[in-house]
C-alpha atoms as a PDB file:
ATOM      1  CA  MET A   1      44.766 246.260  69.764  1.00  0.00           C
ATOM      2  CA  PRO A   2      44.619 242.484  71.489  1.00  0.00           C
ATOM      3  CA  LEU A   3      42.732 242.633  75.211  1.00  0.00           C
ATOM      4  CA  THR A   4      46.024 241.846  76.501  1.00  0.00           C
ATOM      5  CA  PHE A   5      47.301 245.538  75.786  1.00  0.00           C
ATOM      6  CA  ALA A   6      43.868 247.032  77.404  1.00  0.00           C
ATOM      7  CA  LYS A   7      44.611 249.057  80.618  1.00  0.00           C
ATOM      8  CA  GLU A   8      42.907 248.603  83.776  1.00  0.00           C
ATOM      9  CA  GLY A   9      39.352 250.181  84.494  1.00  0.00           C
ATOM     10  CA  GLU A  10      39.342 251.407  80.769  1.00  0.00           C
ATOM     11  CA  VAL A  11      35.895 250.412  79.023  1.00  0.00           C
ATOM     12  CA  ASN A  12      36.560 248.967  75.296  1.00  0.00           C
ATOM     13  CA  SER A  13      34.531 247.628  72.553  1.00  0.00           C
ATOM     14  CA  ILE A  14      34.841 244.485  71.017  1.00  0.00           C
ATOM     15  CA  LYS A  15      36.069 244.470  67.163  1.00  0.00           C
ATOM     16  CA  LYS A  16      36.678 240.787  66.281  1.00  0.00           C
ATOM     17  CA  VAL A  17      37.417 237.749  67.967  1.00  0.00           C
ATOM     18  CA  GLY A  18      39.670 235.889  66.552  1.00  0.00           C
ATOM     19  CA  GLY A  19      41.095 232.207  66.884  1.00  0.00           C
ATOM     20  CA  LYS A  20      39.678 228.569  65.933  1.00  0.00           C
ATOM     21  CA  GLU A  21      36.102 228.090  65.166  1.00  0.00           C
ATOM     22  CA  GLU A  22      35.878 226.101  68.493  1.00  0.00           C
ATOM     23  CA  THR A  23      37.640 228.893  70.526  1.00  0.00           C
ATOM     24  CA  ARG A  24      35.289 231.677  68.993  1.00  0.00           C
ATOM     25  CA  GLN A  25      32.350 229.908  69.687  1.00  0.00           C
ATOM     26  CA  PHE A  26      33.953 229.489  73.303  1.00  0.00           C
ATOM     27  CA  LEU A  27      34.321 233.130  73.508  1.00  0.00           C
ATOM     28  CA  GLU A  28      31.296 233.841  72.479  1.00  0.00           C
ATOM     29  CA  ASN A  29      29.165 231.938  74.704  1.00  0.00           C
ATOM     30  CA  LEU A  30      31.146 233.787  77.678  1.00  0.00           C
ATOM     31  CA  GLY A  31      29.530 236.701  75.966  1.00  0.00           C
ATOM     32  CA  PHE A  32      32.604 238.190  73.917  1.00  0.00           C
ATOM     33  CA  VAL A  33      30.702 239.047  71.018  1.00  0.00           C
ATOM     34  CA  THR A  34      31.597 241.979  68.620  1.00  0.00           C
ATOM     35  CA  GLY A  35      30.358 244.867  69.628  1.00  0.00           C
ATOM     36  CA  ALA A  36      29.962 244.144  73.499  1.00  0.00           C
ATOM     37  CA  ASP A  37      31.901 246.526  76.184  1.00  0.00           C
ATOM     38  CA  VAL A  38      35.056 245.177  77.998  1.00  0.00           C
ATOM     39  CA  THR A  39      36.901 246.125  81.282  1.00  0.00           C
ATOM     40  CA  VAL A  40      39.772 245.106  82.623  1.00  0.00           C
ATOM     41  CA  VAL A  41      39.864 244.918  86.147  1.00  0.00           C
ATOM     42  CA  SER A  42      43.165 243.077  86.851  1.00  0.00           C
ATOM     43  CA  THR A  43      45.998 242.316  85.350  1.00  0.00           C
ATOM     44  CA  VAL A  44      48.295 238.848  87.099  1.00  0.00           C
ATOM     45  CA  ASN A  45      51.372 237.815  84.788  1.00  0.00           C
ATOM     46  CA  GLY A  46      49.544 238.431  81.853  1.00  0.00           C
ATOM     47  CA  ASN A  47      46.304 236.859  82.820  1.00  0.00           C
ATOM     48  CA  LEU A  48      43.321 239.004  82.883  1.00  0.00           C
ATOM     49  CA  ILE A  49      40.270 239.287  85.046  1.00  0.00           C
ATOM     50  CA  VAL A  50      37.633 241.337  82.880  1.00  0.00           C
ATOM     51  CA  ASN A  51      34.094 242.718  83.421  1.00  0.00           C
ATOM     52  CA  ILE A  52      31.941 241.443  80.632  1.00  0.00           C
ATOM     53  CA  LYS A  53      27.895 241.694  80.302  1.00  0.00           C
ATOM     54  CA  ASP A  54      27.522 242.012  84.344  1.00  0.00           C
ATOM     55  CA  SER A  55      29.723 238.974  84.778  1.00  0.00           C
ATOM     56  CA  ARG A  56      33.341 238.753  85.945  1.00  0.00           C
ATOM     57  CA  ILE A  57      35.566 236.554  84.037  1.00  0.00           C
ATOM     58  CA  ALA A  58      39.108 235.322  84.215  1.00  0.00           C
ATOM     59  CA  ILE A  59      40.648 234.188  80.944  1.00  0.00           C
ATOM     60  CA  GLY A  60      44.850 233.572  80.028  1.00  0.00           C
ATOM     61  CA  LYS A  61      46.780 235.775  78.213  1.00  0.00           C
ATOM     62  CA  ASP A  62      46.625 233.375  74.856  1.00  0.00           C
ATOM     63  CA  MET A  63      42.847 233.827  74.885  1.00  0.00           C
ATOM     64  CA  ALA A  64      42.594 237.419  75.490  1.00  0.00           C
ATOM     65  CA  ALA A  65      45.164 238.314  72.814  1.00  0.00           C
ATOM     66  CA  ARG A  66      42.493 236.719  70.561  1.00  0.00           C
ATOM     67  CA  ILE A  67      40.288 239.390  71.012  1.00  0.00           C
ATOM     68  CA  ILE A  68      40.533 242.637  69.705  1.00  0.00           C
ATOM     69  CA  VAL A  69      39.160 245.838  70.942  1.00  0.00           C
END
């Protein structure tokens, strides 16, 4: 399922990162790589704040929809 459907506080493992090559590279540089654990901290209007690799990152719903957990 896309990261946008993950529940707050639930730890999910990233299965796949989709999108164009430059989008995938951008997300991988932020730590969104296959096998990494990601936790949704909060959701505001579909945009997410997540914890990944001891960092808190805000991503838009379009980016979050490309991350499959």
